[in-house]
C-alpha cells in the first residue's frame, strides 16, 4: 500500500508544479488550441489556450511509477521479487505513452495548421490500431514464469467468463477494440474544462482499488490467499494498482490548472493516452465488460455521437442539438460548470455501481 500512496503523491506533486511549466512552454511555442467555428459561441473565448497538456500528467505518471518502485525497496526481499518492473507495466505505461503520442501528433498538426482538423480519422485509428495491436500481442504472448499473461484469452466481467474463450488471436482483437473504444470515448468526453480529467480521476481511482484488492487476494501469492477456492487469476496486480494510482494523482494535479476557466487543455495527447491506459487496466484486471459500467460516462457520451450519426444518416434529423452530449446541454442553456459537475456526478455513480458489483462478487463467493 505504501508504494501505491507514494506513487499517487509523487505524481500529484510533479503534475501540480509541472503543469505551469508546460503552460509557459506551450504558450511560448504558440501551441494554442484551435476552436471550431461550429459549436457553442462560448468556446470562441478559449481560442489560443495552450493544448497538449497531457504531456504533463503522462510524464508525471512515469516518474511516479519509478518513485513507487523505489518505495518498494523497503519491503522484505521475498516480496520485492514479486513486484519488480514487469510486462504489465510495459503494456500499461506503453499504452499511456504511445496512445498519447498518437494524440500528440494530432495536436501538433492542429497547432501547426492553425485549424481543428488535425490528424485524419483514418490516421488516428491506424495509430491506435498499431499501438493496441503491438501491445496486445505482448499482453497475450509473453507469459510470466508461472504462465500468467497480462491479458486473458477469455472475455471477462468481474473475472474471466470460462465459456467465453476466444483464443489468443481473438483476445488480441478484443484488446485492440477495447483500447480504441476507450481512447476515443475519453477523447469525445474531452470538450469542456475539466470534464474528461475529473471523470478519468474517478475511473483510475476505481482501478487502483480493484488492483490493490486483487493483490490482497492474488492466486500468484500464497501469503495473501484467503481461501483455497477464492483468489484472482491476474498478473502483477500491485503494478496495476500503482500505475492507476499514479495516473489518478497526476490527473488531480493537472485538474488544478484544467478546471474552469482552463489555463491548459489536455488535448488529444492526454485524452487518447488516458483512454488507452483505462482500456489496458480493464484488460489487465479481467474486468473488460465491467469497464462499460465503471467508465459509464465515456460510454454514454460515445453513444450520443453514434445515435446522432445514425439518426441523421437514416432520417435526416438530429436527436440532440449537437453531439457529443455535453454540447447538447450547452446549447440548451446549461452553464459549462453545471454540465461538468453534473457529469462528474454521473461518472461517480457509474464508478460506485461498478465497484459495488466487483465487491458483491467477492461477498457472494466468500459467503
Protein backbone atom coordinates (compact mmCIF):
# COMPACT_ATOMS: atom_id res chain seq x y z
CA UNK A 1 0.00 0.00 0.00
CA UNK A 2 2.93 2.29 0.79
CA UNK A 3 4.19 2.17 -2.79
CA UNK A 4 0.73 2.99 -4.17
CA UNK A 5 0.40 6.02 -1.89
CA UNK A 6 3.91 7.21 -2.72
CA UNK A 7 3.25 6.89 -6.46
CA UNK A 8 -0.02 8.84 -6.22
CA UNK A 9 1.55 11.58 -4.07
CA UNK A 10 4.64 11.98 -6.27
CA UNK A 11 2.51 12.09 -9.43
CA UNK A 12 0.26 14.74 -7.90
CA UNK A 13 3.18 16.96 -6.86
CA UNK A 14 5.02 16.65 -10.18
CA UNK A 15 1.85 17.35 -12.15
CA UNK A 16 0.73 20.21 -9.90
CA UNK A 17 4.03 22.07 -10.22
CA UNK A 18 4.99 20.76 -13.65
CA UNK A 19 1.81 21.80 -15.46
CA UNK A 20 2.54 25.55 -15.08
CA UNK A 21 5.88 24.86 -16.75
CA UNK A 22 4.02 23.16 -19.61
CA UNK A 23 1.68 26.17 -19.82
CA UNK A 24 4.61 28.55 -20.21
CA UNK A 25 6.40 26.32 -22.73
CA UNK A 26 3.36 25.68 -24.94
CA UNK A 27 2.34 29.35 -24.73
CA UNK A 28 5.82 30.40 -25.85
CA UNK A 29 5.62 27.88 -28.71
CA UNK A 30 2.20 29.33 -29.61
CA UNK A 31 0.66 25.88 -29.26
CA UNK A 32 -2.83 27.25 -28.77
CA UNK A 33 -5.96 25.16 -29.21
CA UNK A 34 -7.81 25.92 -32.48
CA UNK A 35 -11.58 26.19 -31.94
CA UNK A 36 -14.15 25.03 -34.48
CA UNK A 37 -16.46 27.71 -35.84
CA UNK A 38 -19.37 25.28 -35.47
CA UNK A 39 -20.34 24.88 -31.83
CA UNK A 40 -21.29 26.86 -28.74
CA UNK A 41 -20.29 30.51 -29.08
CA UNK A 42 -18.74 30.50 -25.60
CA UNK A 43 -15.96 28.24 -26.89
CA UNK A 44 -14.53 31.00 -29.06
CA UNK A 45 -13.21 32.67 -25.91
CA UNK A 46 -10.99 29.64 -25.34
CA UNK A 47 -9.12 30.11 -28.58
CA UNK A 48 -5.37 30.20 -28.02
CA UNK A 49 -5.42 28.34 -24.70
CA UNK A 50 -2.33 26.07 -24.76
CA UNK A 51 -3.04 22.44 -25.56
CA UNK A 52 -1.06 19.16 -25.38
CA UNK A 53 -1.21 19.35 -21.57
CA UNK A 54 -1.46 15.57 -21.44
CA UNK A 55 2.32 15.57 -21.74
CA UNK A 56 2.49 16.88 -18.15
CA UNK A 57 0.48 14.13 -16.49
CA UNK A 58 1.88 11.33 -18.65
CA UNK A 59 5.41 12.42 -17.69
CA UNK A 60 4.37 12.71 -14.02
CA UNK A 61 2.89 9.20 -14.06
CA UNK A 62 6.03 7.60 -15.47
CA UNK A 63 8.24 9.34 -12.89
CA UNK A 64 5.82 8.41 -10.11
CA UNK A 65 5.94 4.77 -11.19
CA UNK A 66 9.71 4.86 -10.67
CA UNK A 67 9.22 6.51 -7.26
CA UNK A 68 6.73 3.82 -6.27
CA UNK A 69 9.28 1.13 -7.04
CA UNK A 70 11.91 2.95 -5.02
CA UNK A 71 9.47 2.81 -2.10
CA UNK A 72 9.21 -0.94 -2.58
CA UNK A 73 12.89 -1.37 -1.70
CA UNK A 74 11.83 -1.13 1.95
CA UNK A 75 9.83 -4.37 1.63
CA UNK A 76 11.23 -7.76 2.64
CA UNK A 77 13.40 -9.32 -0.08
CA UNK A 78 10.92 -12.07 -0.88
CA UNK A 79 8.18 -9.52 -1.57
CA UNK A 80 10.36 -7.21 -3.66
CA UNK A 81 10.94 -10.04 -6.11
CA UNK A 82 7.20 -10.16 -6.82
CA UNK A 83 6.88 -6.50 -7.77
CA UNK A 84 9.87 -5.66 -9.92
CA UNK A 85 9.08 -3.80 -13.18
CA UNK A 86 7.12 -6.24 -15.31
CA UNK A 87 5.48 -6.83 -18.66
CA UNK A 88 2.29 -5.47 -17.08
CA UNK A 89 3.98 -2.13 -16.50
CA UNK A 90 5.42 -2.17 -20.01
CA UNK A 91 1.96 -2.75 -21.51
CA UNK A 92 0.08 -0.23 -19.36
CA UNK A 93 2.65 2.55 -19.49
CA UNK A 94 3.22 1.75 -23.16
CA UNK A 95 -0.47 2.30 -23.87
CA UNK A 96 -0.41 5.55 -21.92
CA UNK A 97 2.68 6.89 -23.66
CA UNK A 98 2.12 5.64 -27.22
CA UNK A 99 -1.61 6.37 -27.41
CA UNK A 100 -0.63 9.77 -26.06
CA UNK A 101 1.96 10.02 -28.85
CA UNK A 102 -0.77 9.45 -31.45
CA UNK A 103 -2.75 12.24 -29.82
CA UNK A 104 0.34 14.45 -29.69
CA UNK A 105 0.76 14.08 -33.44
CA UNK A 106 -2.88 15.07 -33.90
CA UNK A 107 -2.46 18.11 -31.63
CA UNK A 108 0.78 19.11 -33.34
CA UNK A 109 -0.87 19.10 -36.77
CA UNK A 110 -3.78 21.18 -35.42
CA UNK A 111 -1.42 23.73 -33.92
CA UNK A 112 0.82 23.90 -36.97
CA UNK A 113 -2.04 24.29 -39.44
CA UNK A 114 -3.96 26.60 -37.09
CA UNK A 115 -7.22 24.67 -37.54
CA UNK A 116 -9.12 21.94 -35.71
CA UNK A 117 -8.75 19.29 -38.44
CA UNK A 118 -5.60 17.63 -37.12
CA UNK A 119 -4.72 14.05 -37.99
CA UNK A 120 -7.27 12.39 -40.29
CA UNK A 121 -9.73 9.97 -38.70
CA UNK A 122 -8.13 7.09 -40.60
CA UNK A 123 -4.67 8.15 -39.50
CA UNK A 124 -5.73 8.38 -35.87
CA UNK A 125 -7.42 4.97 -35.96
CA UNK A 126 -4.38 3.46 -37.69
CA UNK A 127 -2.12 4.78 -34.95
CA UNK A 128 -4.39 3.36 -32.24
CA UNK A 129 -4.56 0.06 -34.11
CA UNK A 130 -0.78 -0.24 -34.28
CA UNK A 131 -0.32 0.64 -30.61
CA UNK A 132 -3.15 -1.63 -29.44
CA UNK A 133 -2.09 -4.49 -31.70
CA UNK A 134 1.58 -4.35 -30.75
CA UNK A 135 0.97 -4.15 -27.02
CA UNK A 136 -1.94 -6.59 -27.27
CA UNK A 137 0.44 -9.20 -28.68
CA UNK A 138 2.85 -8.52 -25.80
CA UNK A 139 -0.06 -8.82 -23.34
CA UNK A 140 -1.13 -12.21 -24.73
CA UNK A 141 2.05 -13.86 -25.92
CA UNK A 142 4.60 -13.00 -23.21
CA UNK A 143 3.81 -15.04 -20.07
CA UNK A 144 5.43 -14.68 -16.67
CA UNK A 145 7.36 -17.53 -15.03
CA UNK A 146 4.08 -19.02 -13.75
CA UNK A 147 2.49 -18.86 -17.21
CA UNK A 148 0.22 -15.88 -16.47
CA UNK A 149 -0.20 -13.23 -19.18
CA UNK A 150 -1.20 -9.59 -18.81
CA UNK A 151 -4.47 -10.14 -20.68
CA UNK A 152 -6.61 -13.26 -20.83
CA UNK A 153 -7.88 -15.47 -23.64
CA UNK A 154 -11.37 -15.18 -22.15
CA UNK A 155 -13.91 -12.38 -22.23
CA UNK A 156 -14.21 -11.13 -18.66
CA UNK A 157 -16.74 -9.35 -16.49
CA UNK A 158 -15.57 -9.31 -12.87
CA UNK A 159 -13.29 -12.23 -13.67
CA UNK A 160 -12.81 -14.43 -16.71
CA UNK A 161 -16.01 -15.98 -18.06
CA UNK A 162 -14.99 -19.61 -18.53
CA UNK A 163 -17.22 -20.40 -21.53
CA UNK A 164 -16.16 -17.27 -23.47
CA UNK A 165 -12.75 -18.46 -24.64
CA UNK A 166 -11.77 -16.52 -27.77
CA UNK A 167 -8.20 -17.77 -28.04
CA UNK A 168 -5.04 -15.68 -28.26
CA UNK A 169 -5.75 -14.16 -31.66
CA UNK A 170 -9.34 -13.36 -30.70
CA UNK A 171 -8.17 -11.86 -27.43
CA UNK A 172 -5.69 -9.60 -29.22
CA UNK A 173 -8.58 -8.36 -31.38
CA UNK A 174 -10.67 -7.76 -28.25
CA UNK A 175 -7.70 -5.96 -26.70
CA UNK A 176 -7.40 -3.65 -29.71
CA UNK A 177 -11.16 -2.99 -29.73
CA UNK A 178 -11.20 -2.09 -26.02
CA UNK A 179 -8.21 0.24 -26.36
CA UNK A 180 -9.61 2.01 -29.41
CA UNK A 181 -13.11 2.28 -27.92
CA UNK A 182 -11.97 3.63 -24.58
CA UNK A 183 -9.41 6.05 -26.00
CA UNK A 184 -11.97 7.52 -28.40
CA UNK A 185 -14.57 7.59 -25.62
CA UNK A 186 -12.35 9.71 -23.39
CA UNK A 187 -11.45 11.88 -26.38
CA UNK A 188 -15.14 12.58 -27.11
CA UNK A 189 -15.69 13.42 -23.44
CA UNK A 190 -12.88 15.98 -23.51
CA UNK A 191 -14.74 19.07 -24.64
CA UNK A 192 -15.36 21.14 -21.52
CA UNK A 193 -12.90 22.42 -18.93
CA UNK A 194 -12.03 19.61 -16.52
CA UNK A 195 -14.73 17.21 -17.68
CA UNK A 196 -12.59 14.35 -19.01
CA UNK A 197 -9.91 14.94 -16.37
CA UNK A 198 -12.32 14.66 -13.44
CA UNK A 199 -14.12 11.64 -14.88
CA UNK A 200 -10.78 9.91 -15.53
CA UNK A 201 -9.69 10.51 -11.94
CA UNK A 202 -12.77 8.64 -10.71
CA UNK A 203 -12.23 5.72 -13.09
CA UNK A 204 -8.49 5.49 -12.41
CA UNK A 205 -9.15 5.63 -8.68
CA UNK A 206 -11.57 2.72 -9.05
CA UNK A 207 -8.96 0.66 -10.90
CA UNK A 208 -6.37 1.44 -8.26
CA UNK A 209 -8.74 0.00 -5.64
CA UNK A 210 -9.52 -3.03 -7.83
CA UNK A 211 -5.84 -3.68 -8.49
CA UNK A 212 -4.93 -3.48 -4.82
CA UNK A 213 -7.87 -5.68 -3.81
CA UNK A 214 -6.75 -8.28 -6.33
CA UNK A 215 -3.22 -8.05 -4.95
CA UNK A 216 -4.53 -8.83 -1.46
CA UNK A 217 -6.38 -11.87 -2.84
CA UNK A 218 -3.96 -12.94 -5.54
CA UNK A 219 -3.59 -16.51 -6.75
CA UNK A 220 0.06 -15.78 -7.51
CA UNK A 221 0.91 -15.18 -3.85
CA UNK A 222 0.00 -17.71 -1.15
CA UNK A 223 0.65 -15.07 1.52
CA UNK A 224 -2.49 -13.18 0.59
CA UNK A 225 -4.72 -16.05 -0.50
CA UNK A 226 -7.73 -16.05 1.81
CA UNK A 227 -9.28 -19.40 0.85
CA UNK A 228 -8.36 -22.29 -1.40
CA UNK A 229 -11.39 -21.54 -3.59
CA UNK A 230 -11.10 -17.77 -3.92
CA UNK A 231 -8.37 -15.70 -5.49
CA UNK A 232 -7.85 -13.58 -8.59
CA UNK A 233 -6.12 -15.08 -11.62
CA UNK A 234 -4.34 -11.92 -12.75
CA UNK A 235 -0.77 -10.87 -13.38
CA UNK A 236 1.07 -8.27 -11.28
CA UNK A 237 -1.95 -6.66 -9.58
CA UNK A 238 0.22 -4.39 -7.42
CA UNK A 239 1.69 -2.93 -10.61
CA UNK A 240 -1.85 -2.25 -11.80
CA UNK A 241 -2.77 -0.50 -8.55
CA UNK A 242 0.44 1.53 -8.56
CA UNK A 243 0.09 2.76 -12.15
CA UNK A 244 -3.62 3.55 -11.80
CA UNK A 245 -2.99 5.48 -8.57
CA UNK A 246 -0.08 7.37 -10.14
CA UNK A 247 -2.18 8.35 -13.16
CA UNK A 248 -5.07 9.42 -10.90
CA UNK A 249 -2.74 11.54 -8.77
CA UNK A 250 -1.21 13.13 -11.86
CA UNK A 251 -4.67 13.99 -13.18
CA UNK A 252 -5.63 15.60 -9.86
CA UNK A 253 -2.57 17.84 -10.11
CA UNK A 254 -3.43 18.66 -13.72
CA UNK A 255 -7.08 19.39 -12.85
CA UNK A 256 -5.91 22.29 -10.65
CA UNK A 257 -5.00 24.09 -13.89
CA UNK A 258 -7.52 22.44 -16.21
CA UNK A 259 -10.68 23.28 -14.30
CA UNK A 260 -12.84 26.20 -15.46
CA UNK A 261 -11.53 28.54 -16.69
CA UNK A 262 -8.86 26.21 -18.02
CA UNK A 263 -5.35 27.54 -18.39
CA UNK A 264 -4.35 24.48 -20.40
CA UNK A 265 -6.13 21.66 -22.24
CA UNK A 266 -5.04 18.03 -22.18
CA UNK A 267 -5.62 17.79 -25.93
CA UNK A 268 -5.75 14.51 -27.78
CA UNK A 269 -2.36 13.82 -26.20
CA UNK A 270 -3.97 13.39 -22.82
CA UNK A 271 -7.37 12.07 -23.91
CA UNK A 272 -6.08 9.24 -26.10
CA UNK A 273 -3.40 8.40 -23.55
CA UNK A 274 -5.88 8.20 -20.68
CA UNK A 275 -8.34 6.14 -22.71
CA UNK A 276 -5.61 3.72 -23.76
CA UNK A 277 -4.48 3.31 -20.15
CA UNK A 278 -8.02 2.77 -18.85
CA UNK A 279 -8.67 0.17 -21.54
CA UNK A 280 -5.42 -1.57 -20.59
CA UNK A 281 -6.38 -1.56 -16.91
CA UNK A 282 -9.69 -3.21 -17.79
CA UNK A 283 -7.90 -5.98 -19.69
CA UNK A 284 -5.22 -6.48 -17.03
CA UNK A 285 -7.74 -6.75 -14.16
CA UNK A 286 -10.06 -9.08 -16.13
CA UNK A 287 -12.91 -6.57 -15.91
CA UNK A 288 -13.47 -5.94 -19.62
CA UNK A 289 -17.27 -5.87 -19.56
CA UNK A 290 -17.36 -4.25 -16.11
CA UNK A 291 -15.40 -1.33 -17.59
CA UNK A 292 -18.52 -0.43 -19.57
CA UNK A 293 -20.15 0.38 -16.22
CA UNK A 294 -17.10 1.86 -14.47
CA UNK A 295 -16.46 4.10 -17.48
CA UNK A 296 -20.17 4.64 -17.98
CA UNK A 297 -19.89 8.37 -18.66
CA UNK A 298 -17.50 7.72 -21.55
CA UNK A 299 -19.90 5.11 -22.93
CA UNK A 300 -22.92 7.43 -22.64
CA UNK A 301 -21.14 10.25 -24.43
CA UNK A 302 -19.84 7.93 -27.15
CA UNK A 303 -23.33 6.52 -27.70
CA UNK A 304 -24.72 10.04 -28.05
CA UNK A 305 -22.42 10.51 -31.04
CA UNK A 306 -23.36 7.12 -32.52
CA UNK A 307 -27.09 7.84 -32.10
CA UNK A 308 -26.70 11.28 -33.66
CA UNK A 309 -24.86 9.92 -36.71
CA UNK A 310 -27.27 7.01 -37.25
CA UNK A 311 -30.33 9.25 -36.85
CA UNK A 312 -29.03 11.90 -39.23
CA UNK A 313 -27.93 9.42 -41.89
CA UNK A 314 -31.18 7.41 -41.79
CA UNK A 315 -33.82 10.10 -41.15
CA UNK A 316 -32.04 13.39 -41.82
CA UNK A 317 -32.94 14.51 -38.30
CA UNK A 318 -30.79 15.07 -35.23
CA UNK A 319 -31.71 13.64 -31.83
CA UNK A 320 -29.51 16.14 -29.98
CA UNK A 321 -28.88 19.82 -30.65
CA UNK A 322 -25.23 18.87 -31.00
CA UNK A 323 -23.07 15.89 -30.14
CA UNK A 324 -21.18 14.84 -28.07
CA UNK A 325 -23.83 15.07 -25.36
CA UNK A 326 -22.18 17.79 -23.27
CA UNK A 327 -22.58 20.26 -26.14
CA UNK A 328 -26.29 19.46 -26.38
CA UNK A 329 -26.72 20.75 -22.83
CA UNK A 330 -24.57 23.80 -23.57
CA UNK A 331 -26.90 24.75 -26.42
CA UNK A 332 -29.85 24.06 -24.10
CA UNK A 333 -28.59 26.85 -21.83
CA UNK A 334 -26.73 24.98 -19.10
CA UNK A 335 -23.56 26.66 -17.88
CA UNK A 336 -20.27 24.87 -18.50
CA UNK A 337 -19.56 24.43 -14.80
CA UNK A 338 -23.01 22.93 -14.18
CA UNK A 339 -22.56 20.44 -17.01
CA UNK A 340 -19.11 19.40 -15.79
CA UNK A 341 -20.16 18.93 -12.16
CA UNK A 342 -23.33 17.03 -13.09
CA UNK A 343 -21.44 14.80 -15.50
CA UNK A 344 -18.87 14.14 -12.77
CA UNK A 345 -21.78 13.03 -10.57
CA UNK A 346 -22.91 10.64 -13.30
CA UNK A 347 -19.35 9.34 -13.63
CA UNK A 348 -19.16 8.86 -9.85
CA UNK A 349 -22.44 6.93 -9.80
CA UNK A 350 -21.18 4.64 -12.59
CA UNK A 351 -17.93 4.04 -10.71
CA UNK A 352 -19.81 3.31 -7.47
CA UNK A 353 -22.07 0.80 -9.22
CA UNK A 354 -19.06 -0.86 -10.87
CA UNK A 355 -17.16 -1.15 -7.58
CA UNK A 356 -20.31 -2.41 -5.87
CA UNK A 357 -20.67 -5.19 -8.43
CA UNK A 358 -16.99 -6.04 -8.11
CA UNK A 359 -17.19 -6.32 -4.31
CA UNK A 360 -20.54 -8.13 -4.37
CA UNK A 361 -18.87 -10.89 -6.38
CA UNK A 362 -16.30 -11.23 -3.61
CA UNK A 363 -19.01 -11.39 -0.95
CA UNK A 364 -21.02 -13.97 -2.90
CA UNK A 365 -18.03 -16.29 -3.14
CA UNK A 366 -16.84 -15.75 0.43
CA UNK A 367 -20.38 -16.13 1.77
